[in-house]
Amino acid sequence: MHRLKCGLFAVIALVGLSYNPHAETITPPHEVEAGPTWPKNPRLAGYWPYPPDVRVCTDSGVRLSRLERALDMWRKVGYEFGNVVVDYGSSICVQGGLFGEITVLLVTQEVISPDQVAVTRTYGNKETNVILRAQVFMNHYAGEKLLVLEHELGHALGWQHHLSRYHLMNPGWPQIGHTMSGLGHRQYLEEVERIRAPGRD
């Protein structure tokens, strides 16, 4: 987990989805030993104590219909979201969103590298790992790419990358897929208990 400290309020995680044109050369998951970097099951970096609102800034290139499809993928495994807002360029989008929401924004050069399709930044309490705000930065061409937004919403909810071919949280595009094993809301609550417990790993 990447953690950039700045007082009690901190960046809990900054994670991106990379594009690998040589995807076929990735080591098959059964040849990779689970370890501290790649645990056997998906892990949370932080969590929301309540369903977050979701704001999509129109300059991100993500349409409301596309956002709703991505949210539905997570709703089907038990997640709830608050209000869904389409923002046509208000000052809220300019400032990067509000506390209590996931904000989908057009990427800026300072938060993304050329090989990344999208990046998600979560902010929260560094002591408790409670997420208070999340920003999903989409590259201009990524809005309609298969599963990119669904993957980034996973990070906005707190999920880390998971090294399993065709898993939604795989760190490389196009190795991601529709597999959501370990990402259901029941597993989310179990992970919340793990990271809240004394001596958590």
N, C-alpha and C. Protein backbone atom coordinates (compact mmCIF):
# COMPACT_ATOMS: atom_id res chain seq x y z
N MET A 1 0.84 -1.18 0.00
CA MET A 1 0.00 0.00 0.00
C MET A 1 0.88 1.23 0.00
N HIS A 2 0.59 2.17 -0.91
CA HIS A 2 1.31 3.43 -0.96
C HIS A 2 0.62 4.40 -0.03
N ARG A 3 1.38 5.06 0.85
CA ARG A 3 0.77 6.02 1.74
C ARG A 3 1.66 7.25 1.81
N LEU A 4 1.14 8.39 1.39
CA LEU A 4 1.86 9.64 1.45
C LEU A 4 1.30 10.44 2.60
N LYS A 5 2.08 10.59 3.66
CA LYS A 5 1.55 11.19 4.88
C LYS A 5 1.57 12.71 4.80
N CYS A 6 0.51 13.31 5.32
CA CYS A 6 0.46 14.77 5.43
C CYS A 6 -0.52 15.11 6.55
N GLY A 7 -0.07 14.89 7.79
CA GLY A 7 -0.95 15.08 8.93
C GLY A 7 -1.89 13.90 9.06
N LEU A 8 -3.02 14.12 9.72
CA LEU A 8 -3.98 13.04 9.91
C LEU A 8 -4.66 12.67 8.61
N PHE A 9 -4.88 13.66 7.75
CA PHE A 9 -5.51 13.43 6.45
C PHE A 9 -4.42 13.13 5.44
N ALA A 10 -4.52 12.02 4.73
CA ALA A 10 -3.43 11.58 3.87
C ALA A 10 -3.95 10.92 2.62
N VAL A 11 -3.05 10.82 1.62
CA VAL A 11 -3.33 9.99 0.47
C VAL A 11 -3.13 8.55 0.91
N ILE A 12 -4.21 7.78 0.96
CA ILE A 12 -4.12 6.38 1.37
C ILE A 12 -3.52 5.54 0.25
N ALA A 13 -3.92 5.81 -0.99
CA ALA A 13 -3.40 5.03 -2.10
C ALA A 13 -3.43 5.84 -3.38
N LEU A 14 -2.43 5.62 -4.22
CA LEU A 14 -2.37 6.20 -5.56
C LEU A 14 -2.01 5.06 -6.49
N VAL A 15 -2.97 4.60 -7.27
CA VAL A 15 -2.76 3.41 -8.10
C VAL A 15 -3.25 3.66 -9.51
N GLY A 16 -2.55 3.09 -10.47
CA GLY A 16 -2.91 3.28 -11.86
C GLY A 16 -3.05 1.96 -12.60
N LEU A 17 -3.74 2.01 -13.71
CA LEU A 17 -3.89 0.86 -14.60
C LEU A 17 -2.98 1.08 -15.78
N SER A 18 -2.02 0.19 -15.95
CA SER A 18 -1.03 0.34 -17.01
C SER A 18 -1.42 -0.43 -18.26
N TYR A 19 -0.94 0.05 -19.38
CA TYR A 19 -1.15 -0.64 -20.65
C TYR A 19 0.12 -1.40 -21.00
N ASN A 20 -0.02 -2.71 -21.22
CA ASN A 20 1.11 -3.55 -21.56
C ASN A 20 0.84 -4.20 -22.91
N PRO A 21 1.48 -3.73 -23.98
CA PRO A 21 1.22 -4.31 -25.30
C PRO A 21 1.70 -5.75 -25.44
N HIS A 22 2.51 -6.20 -24.48
CA HIS A 22 3.05 -7.57 -24.51
C HIS A 22 2.37 -8.42 -23.45
N ALA A 23 1.05 -8.26 -23.32
CA ALA A 23 0.31 -8.91 -22.23
C ALA A 23 0.46 -10.42 -22.23
N GLU A 24 0.66 -11.00 -23.42
CA GLU A 24 0.72 -12.46 -23.49
C GLU A 24 1.94 -13.03 -22.78
N THR A 25 2.91 -12.17 -22.44
CA THR A 25 4.12 -12.66 -21.80
C THR A 25 4.02 -12.63 -20.27
N ILE A 26 2.88 -12.21 -19.72
CA ILE A 26 2.75 -12.15 -18.27
C ILE A 26 2.85 -13.55 -17.68
N THR A 27 3.49 -13.65 -16.52
CA THR A 27 3.61 -14.94 -15.86
C THR A 27 2.24 -15.42 -15.40
N PRO A 28 1.84 -16.65 -15.75
CA PRO A 28 0.53 -17.13 -15.32
C PRO A 28 0.42 -17.09 -13.80
N PRO A 29 -0.76 -16.77 -13.26
CA PRO A 29 -0.93 -16.65 -11.81
C PRO A 29 -0.49 -17.88 -11.04
N HIS A 30 -0.70 -19.10 -11.60
CA HIS A 30 -0.34 -20.30 -10.84
C HIS A 30 1.17 -20.45 -10.70
N GLU A 31 1.95 -19.65 -11.45
CA GLU A 31 3.40 -19.70 -11.32
C GLU A 31 3.94 -18.60 -10.41
N VAL A 32 3.04 -17.78 -9.88
CA VAL A 32 3.45 -16.70 -9.00
C VAL A 32 3.06 -17.06 -7.58
N GLU A 33 4.03 -17.09 -6.67
CA GLU A 33 3.73 -17.39 -5.28
C GLU A 33 3.10 -16.19 -4.62
N ALA A 34 2.02 -16.44 -3.86
CA ALA A 34 1.42 -15.35 -3.09
C ALA A 34 2.41 -14.90 -2.03
N GLY A 35 2.55 -13.62 -1.86
CA GLY A 35 3.48 -13.08 -0.87
C GLY A 35 2.96 -11.76 -0.36
N PRO A 36 3.82 -11.01 0.33
CA PRO A 36 3.36 -9.75 0.90
C PRO A 36 2.94 -8.74 -0.15
N THR A 37 3.52 -8.82 -1.37
CA THR A 37 3.16 -7.89 -2.42
C THR A 37 1.89 -8.34 -3.14
N TRP A 38 1.79 -9.65 -3.38
CA TRP A 38 0.63 -10.18 -4.09
C TRP A 38 -0.02 -11.27 -3.24
N PRO A 39 -0.90 -10.90 -2.30
CA PRO A 39 -1.57 -11.91 -1.48
C PRO A 39 -2.51 -12.77 -2.30
N LYS A 40 -2.88 -13.91 -1.73
CA LYS A 40 -3.74 -14.87 -2.43
C LYS A 40 -5.10 -14.26 -2.77
N ASN A 41 -5.65 -13.47 -1.87
CA ASN A 41 -6.96 -12.86 -2.07
C ASN A 41 -6.83 -11.34 -2.19
N PRO A 42 -7.78 -10.68 -2.86
CA PRO A 42 -7.74 -9.22 -2.95
C PRO A 42 -7.70 -8.58 -1.57
N ARG A 43 -7.02 -7.45 -1.46
CA ARG A 43 -6.88 -6.74 -0.18
C ARG A 43 -7.34 -5.29 -0.32
N LEU A 44 -7.83 -4.77 0.79
CA LEU A 44 -8.21 -3.36 0.84
C LEU A 44 -7.06 -2.51 1.35
N ALA A 45 -6.94 -1.31 0.80
CA ALA A 45 -6.01 -0.31 1.32
C ALA A 45 -6.74 0.64 2.27
N GLY A 46 -8.03 0.81 2.06
CA GLY A 46 -8.85 1.68 2.88
C GLY A 46 -10.30 1.35 2.61
N TYR A 47 -11.21 1.99 3.36
CA TYR A 47 -12.62 1.66 3.19
C TYR A 47 -13.50 2.87 3.46
N TRP A 48 -14.68 2.84 2.85
CA TRP A 48 -15.71 3.85 3.08
C TRP A 48 -16.61 3.40 4.22
N PRO A 49 -16.91 4.28 5.18
CA PRO A 49 -17.82 3.90 6.26
C PRO A 49 -19.29 4.05 5.86
N TYR A 50 -19.55 4.56 4.67
CA TYR A 50 -20.90 4.78 4.17
C TYR A 50 -20.83 4.77 2.65
N PRO A 51 -21.97 4.56 1.96
CA PRO A 51 -21.94 4.57 0.49
C PRO A 51 -21.56 5.97 -0.03
N PRO A 52 -20.52 6.06 -0.84
CA PRO A 52 -20.12 7.38 -1.35
C PRO A 52 -21.01 7.86 -2.48
N ASP A 53 -21.14 9.18 -2.58
CA ASP A 53 -21.74 9.77 -3.77
C ASP A 53 -20.74 9.63 -4.91
N VAL A 54 -21.22 9.74 -6.14
CA VAL A 54 -20.34 9.65 -7.31
C VAL A 54 -20.63 10.83 -8.22
N ARG A 55 -19.58 11.57 -8.57
CA ARG A 55 -19.69 12.72 -9.47
C ARG A 55 -18.86 12.44 -10.72
N VAL A 56 -19.44 12.63 -11.88
CA VAL A 56 -18.69 12.49 -13.12
C VAL A 56 -18.59 13.86 -13.78
N CYS A 57 -17.39 14.34 -13.94
CA CYS A 57 -17.15 15.61 -14.63
C CYS A 57 -17.14 15.34 -16.12
N THR A 58 -17.93 16.07 -16.88
CA THR A 58 -18.14 15.73 -18.29
C THR A 58 -16.86 15.83 -19.12
N ASP A 59 -15.89 16.66 -18.69
CA ASP A 59 -14.67 16.74 -19.49
C ASP A 59 -13.80 15.50 -19.33
N SER A 60 -14.19 14.58 -18.44
CA SER A 60 -13.45 13.32 -18.29
C SER A 60 -13.65 12.42 -19.50
N GLY A 61 -14.70 12.68 -20.28
CA GLY A 61 -15.01 11.83 -21.42
C GLY A 61 -15.89 10.65 -21.05
N VAL A 62 -16.27 10.56 -19.78
CA VAL A 62 -17.12 9.46 -19.32
C VAL A 62 -18.57 9.93 -19.32
N ARG A 63 -19.41 9.24 -20.07
CA ARG A 63 -20.82 9.58 -20.13
C ARG A 63 -21.57 8.94 -18.96
N LEU A 64 -22.72 9.51 -18.62
CA LEU A 64 -23.51 8.98 -17.50
C LEU A 64 -23.88 7.52 -17.74
N SER A 65 -24.26 7.17 -18.96
CA SER A 65 -24.63 5.78 -19.24
C SER A 65 -23.46 4.84 -19.00
N ARG A 66 -22.25 5.30 -19.35
CA ARG A 66 -21.06 4.47 -19.12
C ARG A 66 -20.78 4.33 -17.63
N LEU A 67 -20.93 5.42 -16.90
CA LEU A 67 -20.73 5.37 -15.45
C LEU A 67 -21.74 4.43 -14.79
N GLU A 68 -22.99 4.51 -15.21
CA GLU A 68 -24.01 3.65 -14.60
C GLU A 68 -23.72 2.17 -14.87
N ARG A 69 -23.20 1.85 -16.06
CA ARG A 69 -22.84 0.44 -16.34
C ARG A 69 -21.75 -0.02 -15.39
N ALA A 70 -20.78 0.86 -15.15
CA ALA A 70 -19.68 0.50 -14.26
C ALA A 70 -20.16 0.35 -12.82
N LEU A 71 -21.01 1.27 -12.38
CA LEU A 71 -21.55 1.17 -11.02
C LEU A 71 -22.39 -0.08 -10.86
N ASP A 72 -23.15 -0.44 -11.90
CA ASP A 72 -24.00 -1.64 -11.83
C ASP A 72 -23.17 -2.90 -11.62
N MET A 73 -21.98 -2.94 -12.17
CA MET A 73 -21.13 -4.11 -11.98
C MET A 73 -20.81 -4.31 -10.49
N TRP A 74 -20.60 -3.20 -9.79
CA TRP A 74 -20.32 -3.26 -8.36
C TRP A 74 -21.60 -3.45 -7.56
N ARG A 75 -22.70 -2.87 -8.01
CA ARG A 75 -23.97 -3.08 -7.31
C ARG A 75 -24.37 -4.55 -7.31
N LYS A 76 -24.07 -5.23 -8.41
CA LYS A 76 -24.46 -6.64 -8.53
C LYS A 76 -23.76 -7.53 -7.51
N VAL A 77 -22.64 -7.08 -6.94
CA VAL A 77 -21.95 -7.87 -5.91
C VAL A 77 -22.13 -7.23 -4.53
N GLY A 78 -23.17 -6.38 -4.41
CA GLY A 78 -23.59 -5.95 -3.08
C GLY A 78 -23.28 -4.54 -2.65
N TYR A 79 -22.64 -3.74 -3.50
CA TYR A 79 -22.26 -2.39 -3.10
C TYR A 79 -23.40 -1.40 -3.34
N GLU A 80 -23.41 -0.36 -2.53
CA GLU A 80 -24.37 0.72 -2.68
C GLU A 80 -23.62 2.03 -2.88
N PHE A 81 -24.24 2.92 -3.61
CA PHE A 81 -23.69 4.25 -3.83
C PHE A 81 -24.76 5.28 -3.48
N GLY A 82 -24.30 6.48 -3.15
CA GLY A 82 -25.24 7.55 -2.85
C GLY A 82 -25.72 8.20 -4.13
N ASN A 83 -25.79 9.51 -4.13
CA ASN A 83 -26.25 10.25 -5.30
C ASN A 83 -25.23 10.16 -6.43
N VAL A 84 -25.73 10.06 -7.66
CA VAL A 84 -24.88 10.09 -8.85
C VAL A 84 -25.14 11.43 -9.54
N VAL A 85 -24.07 12.22 -9.72
CA VAL A 85 -24.20 13.58 -10.22
C VAL A 85 -23.39 13.73 -11.51
N VAL A 86 -24.00 14.34 -12.52
CA VAL A 86 -23.28 14.74 -13.73
C VAL A 86 -22.92 16.21 -13.57
N ASP A 87 -21.64 16.52 -13.67
CA ASP A 87 -21.17 17.89 -13.45
C ASP A 87 -20.61 18.44 -14.77
N TYR A 88 -21.21 19.52 -15.23
CA TYR A 88 -20.83 20.11 -16.52
C TYR A 88 -19.76 21.19 -16.37
N GLY A 89 -18.80 20.96 -15.47
CA GLY A 89 -17.67 21.88 -15.36
C GLY A 89 -17.79 22.91 -14.27
N SER A 90 -18.43 22.56 -13.18
CA SER A 90 -18.55 23.50 -12.07
C SER A 90 -17.20 23.64 -11.36
N SER A 91 -17.16 24.55 -10.40
CA SER A 91 -15.93 24.75 -9.63
C SER A 91 -15.57 23.51 -8.82
N ILE A 92 -16.56 22.66 -8.55
CA ILE A 92 -16.28 21.43 -7.80
C ILE A 92 -15.35 20.52 -8.61
N CYS A 93 -15.60 20.41 -9.91
CA CYS A 93 -14.72 19.62 -10.77
C CYS A 93 -13.34 20.27 -10.86
N VAL A 94 -13.32 21.58 -10.95
CA VAL A 94 -12.04 22.29 -11.05
C VAL A 94 -11.18 22.02 -9.81
N GLN A 95 -11.82 21.97 -8.65
CA GLN A 95 -11.07 21.74 -7.42
C GLN A 95 -10.86 20.26 -7.12
N GLY A 96 -11.39 19.39 -7.95
CA GLY A 96 -11.11 17.96 -7.81
C GLY A 96 -12.11 17.17 -7.02
N GLY A 97 -13.30 17.71 -6.80
CA GLY A 97 -14.34 16.96 -6.11
C GLY A 97 -14.51 17.36 -4.66
N LEU A 98 -15.43 16.67 -3.99
CA LEU A 98 -15.78 16.98 -2.61
C LEU A 98 -15.49 15.80 -1.69
N PHE A 99 -15.42 16.07 -0.40
CA PHE A 99 -15.37 15.00 0.59
C PHE A 99 -16.67 14.21 0.50
N GLY A 100 -16.57 12.90 0.72
CA GLY A 100 -17.76 12.06 0.70
C GLY A 100 -18.13 11.54 -0.67
N GLU A 101 -17.29 11.81 -1.68
CA GLU A 101 -17.64 11.36 -3.01
C GLU A 101 -16.46 10.80 -3.78
N ILE A 102 -16.79 10.00 -4.77
CA ILE A 102 -15.86 9.55 -5.79
C ILE A 102 -16.06 10.48 -6.97
N THR A 103 -15.00 11.13 -7.42
CA THR A 103 -15.11 12.08 -8.52
C THR A 103 -14.33 11.58 -9.72
N VAL A 104 -14.98 11.49 -10.87
CA VAL A 104 -14.35 11.04 -12.11
C VAL A 104 -13.94 12.29 -12.90
N LEU A 105 -12.63 12.40 -13.15
CA LEU A 105 -12.05 13.62 -13.72
C LEU A 105 -11.21 13.29 -14.95
N LEU A 106 -10.99 14.31 -15.77
CA LEU A 106 -10.00 14.19 -16.84
C LEU A 106 -8.62 14.19 -16.21
N VAL A 107 -7.76 13.32 -16.67
CA VAL A 107 -6.44 13.20 -16.08
C VAL A 107 -5.62 14.47 -16.30
N THR A 108 -4.74 14.74 -15.35
CA THR A 108 -3.78 15.83 -15.50
C THR A 108 -2.38 15.24 -15.54
N GLN A 109 -1.46 15.91 -16.21
CA GLN A 109 -0.13 15.34 -16.44
C GLN A 109 0.62 15.02 -15.17
N GLU A 110 0.35 15.76 -14.10
CA GLU A 110 1.14 15.53 -12.88
C GLU A 110 0.76 14.26 -12.13
N VAL A 111 -0.36 13.62 -12.51
CA VAL A 111 -0.76 12.42 -11.78
C VAL A 111 -0.71 11.15 -12.62
N ILE A 112 -0.24 11.22 -13.84
CA ILE A 112 -0.26 10.03 -14.69
C ILE A 112 1.01 9.95 -15.52
N SER A 113 1.43 8.72 -15.78
CA SER A 113 2.59 8.50 -16.65
C SER A 113 2.09 8.03 -18.01
N PRO A 114 2.93 8.13 -19.04
CA PRO A 114 2.46 7.81 -20.40
C PRO A 114 1.91 6.40 -20.57
N ASP A 115 2.36 5.43 -19.74
CA ASP A 115 1.90 4.05 -19.91
C ASP A 115 0.64 3.75 -19.11
N GLN A 116 0.06 4.74 -18.48
CA GLN A 116 -1.12 4.51 -17.66
C GLN A 116 -2.39 4.96 -18.37
N VAL A 117 -3.41 4.12 -18.25
CA VAL A 117 -4.70 4.41 -18.86
C VAL A 117 -5.52 5.31 -17.93
N ALA A 118 -5.41 5.06 -16.63
CA ALA A 118 -6.16 5.81 -15.64
C ALA A 118 -5.45 5.68 -14.29
N VAL A 119 -5.77 6.59 -13.39
CA VAL A 119 -5.17 6.59 -12.05
C VAL A 119 -6.26 6.96 -11.05
N THR A 120 -6.24 6.30 -9.89
CA THR A 120 -7.17 6.65 -8.82
C THR A 120 -6.38 7.04 -7.58
N ARG A 121 -6.81 8.11 -6.95
CA ARG A 121 -6.18 8.61 -5.73
C ARG A 121 -7.25 8.63 -4.64
N THR A 122 -6.99 7.97 -3.53
CA THR A 122 -7.92 7.98 -2.40
C THR A 122 -7.30 8.75 -1.24
N TYR A 123 -8.14 9.52 -0.56
CA TYR A 123 -7.71 10.31 0.59
C TYR A 123 -8.50 9.86 1.81
N GLY A 124 -7.84 9.87 2.96
CA GLY A 124 -8.57 9.51 4.17
C GLY A 124 -7.75 9.69 5.41
N ASN A 125 -8.22 9.08 6.47
CA ASN A 125 -7.57 9.14 7.77
C ASN A 125 -6.46 8.10 7.81
N LYS A 126 -5.22 8.53 7.97
CA LYS A 126 -4.09 7.61 7.89
C LYS A 126 -4.01 6.66 9.07
N GLU A 127 -4.70 7.00 10.16
CA GLU A 127 -4.68 6.11 11.33
C GLU A 127 -5.71 4.99 11.21
N THR A 128 -6.86 5.30 10.62
CA THR A 128 -7.94 4.32 10.55
C THR A 128 -8.13 3.72 9.16
N ASN A 129 -7.52 4.36 8.14
CA ASN A 129 -7.69 3.96 6.74
C ASN A 129 -9.12 4.15 6.23
N VAL A 130 -9.88 5.01 6.89
CA VAL A 130 -11.21 5.37 6.40
C VAL A 130 -11.03 6.32 5.22
N ILE A 131 -11.67 5.99 4.10
CA ILE A 131 -11.61 6.84 2.90
C ILE A 131 -12.66 7.94 3.04
N LEU A 132 -12.22 9.16 2.76
CA LEU A 132 -13.10 10.32 2.84
C LEU A 132 -13.36 10.96 1.48
N ARG A 133 -12.53 10.60 0.50
CA ARG A 133 -12.64 11.21 -0.82
C ARG A 133 -11.83 10.37 -1.80
N ALA A 134 -12.29 10.27 -3.04
CA ALA A 134 -11.53 9.54 -4.06
C ALA A 134 -11.64 10.27 -5.39
N GLN A 135 -10.53 10.29 -6.12
CA GLN A 135 -10.49 10.90 -7.45
C GLN A 135 -10.08 9.85 -8.46
N VAL A 136 -10.87 9.68 -9.50
CA VAL A 136 -10.55 8.78 -10.60
C VAL A 136 -10.16 9.65 -11.79
N PHE A 137 -8.91 9.58 -12.20
CA PHE A 137 -8.41 10.36 -13.33
C PHE A 137 -8.37 9.46 -14.56
N MET A 138 -9.12 9.83 -15.58
CA MET A 138 -9.21 9.03 -16.79
C MET A 138 -8.42 9.69 -17.92
N ASN A 139 -7.59 8.92 -18.61
CA ASN A 139 -6.94 9.44 -19.81
C ASN A 139 -8.03 9.72 -20.84
N HIS A 140 -7.78 10.65 -21.74
CA HIS A 140 -8.82 11.13 -22.66
C HIS A 140 -9.43 10.02 -23.51
N TYR A 141 -8.68 8.95 -23.75
CA TYR A 141 -9.19 7.86 -24.60
C TYR A 141 -9.77 6.70 -23.79
N ALA A 142 -9.76 6.79 -22.46
CA ALA A 142 -10.06 5.63 -21.62
C ALA A 142 -11.53 5.46 -21.27
N GLY A 143 -12.35 6.49 -21.52
CA GLY A 143 -13.73 6.45 -21.08
C GLY A 143 -14.52 5.24 -21.54
N GLU A 144 -14.28 4.81 -22.77
CA GLU A 144 -15.04 3.68 -23.32
C GLU A 144 -14.23 2.38 -23.35
N LYS A 145 -13.01 2.41 -22.84
CA LYS A 145 -12.22 1.17 -22.84
C LYS A 145 -12.85 0.15 -21.90
N LEU A 146 -12.86 -1.10 -22.35
CA LEU A 146 -13.50 -2.17 -21.61
C LEU A 146 -12.93 -2.29 -20.20
N LEU A 147 -13.79 -2.18 -19.19
CA LEU A 147 -13.51 -2.45 -17.78
C LEU A 147 -12.57 -1.46 -17.10
N VAL A 148 -12.09 -0.45 -17.80
CA VAL A 148 -11.18 0.50 -17.15
C VAL A 148 -11.89 1.23 -16.02
N LEU A 149 -13.07 1.76 -16.28
CA LEU A 149 -13.78 2.50 -15.24
C LEU A 149 -14.18 1.59 -14.09
N GLU A 150 -14.61 0.37 -14.41
CA GLU A 150 -14.98 -0.58 -13.36
C GLU A 150 -13.78 -0.87 -12.45
N HIS A 151 -12.60 -1.04 -13.07
CA HIS A 151 -11.36 -1.27 -12.32
C HIS A 151 -11.05 -0.09 -11.41
N GLU A 152 -11.14 1.12 -11.95
CA GLU A 152 -10.81 2.31 -11.16
C GLU A 152 -11.81 2.54 -10.04
N LEU A 153 -13.07 2.21 -10.26
CA LEU A 153 -14.04 2.29 -9.17
C LEU A 153 -13.68 1.33 -8.05
N GLY A 154 -13.11 0.19 -8.42
CA GLY A 154 -12.63 -0.74 -7.39
C GLY A 154 -11.58 -0.10 -6.50
N HIS A 155 -10.64 0.63 -7.12
CA HIS A 155 -9.64 1.35 -6.33
C HIS A 155 -10.30 2.44 -5.49
N ALA A 156 -11.27 3.14 -6.07
CA ALA A 156 -11.94 4.21 -5.33
C ALA A 156 -12.67 3.66 -4.11
N LEU A 157 -13.13 2.41 -4.19
CA LEU A 157 -13.76 1.76 -3.05
C LEU A 157 -12.74 1.28 -2.03
N GLY A 158 -11.48 1.22 -2.44
CA GLY A 158 -10.42 0.82 -1.52
C GLY A 158 -9.64 -0.41 -1.90
N TRP A 159 -10.06 -1.12 -2.95
CA TRP A 159 -9.37 -2.36 -3.34
C TRP A 159 -8.02 -2.08 -3.99
N GLN A 160 -7.04 -2.91 -3.65
CA GLN A 160 -5.71 -2.84 -4.25
C GLN A 160 -5.67 -3.72 -5.49
N HIS A 161 -4.55 -3.64 -6.20
CA HIS A 161 -4.35 -4.53 -7.35
C HIS A 161 -4.28 -5.98 -6.90
N HIS A 162 -4.68 -6.87 -7.79
CA HIS A 162 -4.63 -8.31 -7.50
C HIS A 162 -4.07 -9.02 -8.73
N LEU A 163 -2.97 -9.74 -8.55
CA LEU A 163 -2.27 -10.37 -9.67
C LEU A 163 -2.90 -11.71 -10.01
N SER A 164 -3.96 -11.65 -10.79
CA SER A 164 -4.63 -12.86 -11.27
C SER A 164 -5.16 -12.54 -12.66
N ARG A 165 -4.81 -13.36 -13.62
CA ARG A 165 -5.23 -13.10 -14.99
C ARG A 165 -6.75 -13.08 -15.10
N TYR A 166 -7.25 -12.08 -15.80
CA TYR A 166 -8.67 -11.87 -16.04
C TYR A 166 -9.45 -11.43 -14.79
N HIS A 167 -8.73 -11.08 -13.73
CA HIS A 167 -9.39 -10.51 -12.56
C HIS A 167 -9.59 -9.02 -12.79
N LEU A 168 -10.71 -8.48 -12.30
CA LEU A 168 -11.01 -7.07 -12.52
C LEU A 168 -9.92 -6.15 -11.98
N MET A 169 -9.25 -6.55 -10.89
CA MET A 169 -8.26 -5.68 -10.26
C MET A 169 -6.83 -6.01 -10.69
N ASN A 170 -6.67 -6.74 -11.78
CA ASN A 170 -5.33 -6.96 -12.33
C ASN A 170 -4.71 -5.61 -12.68
N PRO A 171 -3.42 -5.41 -12.42
CA PRO A 171 -2.81 -4.09 -12.64
C PRO A 171 -2.52 -3.73 -14.09
N GLY A 172 -2.68 -4.66 -15.01
CA GLY A 172 -2.34 -4.36 -16.40
C GLY A 172 -3.52 -4.49 -17.34
N TRP A 173 -3.69 -3.50 -18.20
CA TRP A 173 -4.71 -3.62 -19.25
C TRP A 173 -3.97 -4.08 -20.50
N PRO A 174 -4.39 -5.12 -21.19
CA PRO A 174 -5.71 -5.74 -21.14
C PRO A 174 -5.77 -7.07 -20.39
N GLN A 175 -4.95 -7.28 -19.35
CA GLN A 175 -5.05 -8.53 -18.59
C GLN A 175 -6.24 -8.56 -17.64
N ILE A 176 -6.90 -7.42 -17.45
CA ILE A 176 -8.07 -7.41 -16.58
C ILE A 176 -9.22 -8.13 -17.27
N GLY A 177 -10.16 -8.60 -16.45
CA GLY A 177 -11.32 -9.30 -16.99
C GLY A 177 -12.50 -9.13 -16.05
N HIS A 178 -13.54 -9.91 -16.30
CA HIS A 178 -14.79 -9.77 -15.54
C HIS A 178 -14.78 -10.52 -14.21
N THR A 179 -13.73 -11.27 -13.91
CA THR A 179 -13.68 -12.02 -12.66
C THR A 179 -13.63 -11.08 -11.47
N MET A 180 -14.55 -11.27 -10.51
CA MET A 180 -14.60 -10.43 -9.32
C MET A 180 -14.48 -11.26 -8.05
N SER A 181 -13.82 -12.40 -8.13
CA SER A 181 -13.68 -13.25 -6.95
C SER A 181 -12.96 -12.49 -5.84
N GLY A 182 -13.52 -12.57 -4.65
CA GLY A 182 -12.94 -11.89 -3.51
C GLY A 182 -13.31 -10.43 -3.38
N LEU A 183 -14.14 -9.91 -4.30
CA LEU A 183 -14.48 -8.48 -4.29
C LEU A 183 -15.92 -8.21 -3.84
N GLY A 184 -16.66 -9.24 -3.48
CA GLY A 184 -18.04 -9.02 -3.05
C GLY A 184 -18.12 -8.17 -1.80
N HIS A 185 -19.29 -7.63 -1.54
CA HIS A 185 -19.43 -6.74 -0.37
C HIS A 185 -19.20 -7.49 0.94
N ARG A 186 -19.53 -8.77 0.98
CA ARG A 186 -19.24 -9.55 2.20
C ARG A 186 -17.75 -9.61 2.45
N GLN A 187 -16.96 -9.85 1.38
CA GLN A 187 -15.51 -9.86 1.53
C GLN A 187 -14.98 -8.47 1.89
N TYR A 188 -15.65 -7.43 1.38
CA TYR A 188 -15.27 -6.06 1.72
C TYR A 188 -15.38 -5.84 3.23
N LEU A 189 -16.50 -6.27 3.80
CA LEU A 189 -16.69 -6.11 5.24
C LEU A 189 -15.68 -6.93 6.04
N GLU A 190 -15.34 -8.11 5.53
CA GLU A 190 -14.31 -8.92 6.19
C GLU A 190 -12.96 -8.23 6.15
N GLU A 191 -12.65 -7.61 5.01
CA GLU A 191 -11.39 -6.88 4.89
C GLU A 191 -11.37 -5.65 5.79
N VAL A 192 -12.51 -4.99 5.94
CA VAL A 192 -12.59 -3.85 6.85
C VAL A 192 -12.23 -4.30 8.26
N GLU A 193 -12.76 -5.43 8.68
CA GLU A 193 -12.42 -5.94 10.01
C GLU A 193 -10.94 -6.26 10.12
N ARG A 194 -10.36 -6.79 9.06
CA ARG A 194 -8.93 -7.12 9.09
C ARG A 194 -8.08 -5.87 9.28
N ILE A 195 -8.35 -4.81 8.52
CA ILE A 195 -7.50 -3.65 8.61
C ILE A 195 -7.79 -2.80 9.84
N ARG A 196 -8.94 -3.03 10.48
CA ARG A 196 -9.24 -2.33 11.73
C ARG A 196 -8.68 -3.04 12.94
N ALA A 197 -8.34 -4.33 12.78
CA ALA A 197 -7.91 -5.14 13.91
C ALA A 197 -6.50 -4.78 14.36
N PRO A 198 -6.23 -4.85 15.67
CA PRO A 198 -4.86 -4.62 16.15
C PRO A 198 -3.88 -5.62 15.51
N GLY A 199 -2.72 -5.14 15.16
CA GLY A 199 -1.71 -6.00 14.56
C GLY A 199 -2.04 -6.44 13.15
N ARG A 200 -2.90 -5.65 12.45
CA ARG A 200 -3.26 -6.03 11.08
C ARG A 200 -2.01 -6.06 10.19
N ASP A 201 -2.04 -6.95 9.19
CA ASP A 201 -0.88 -7.04 8.29
C ASP A 201 -1.02 -6.07 7.14
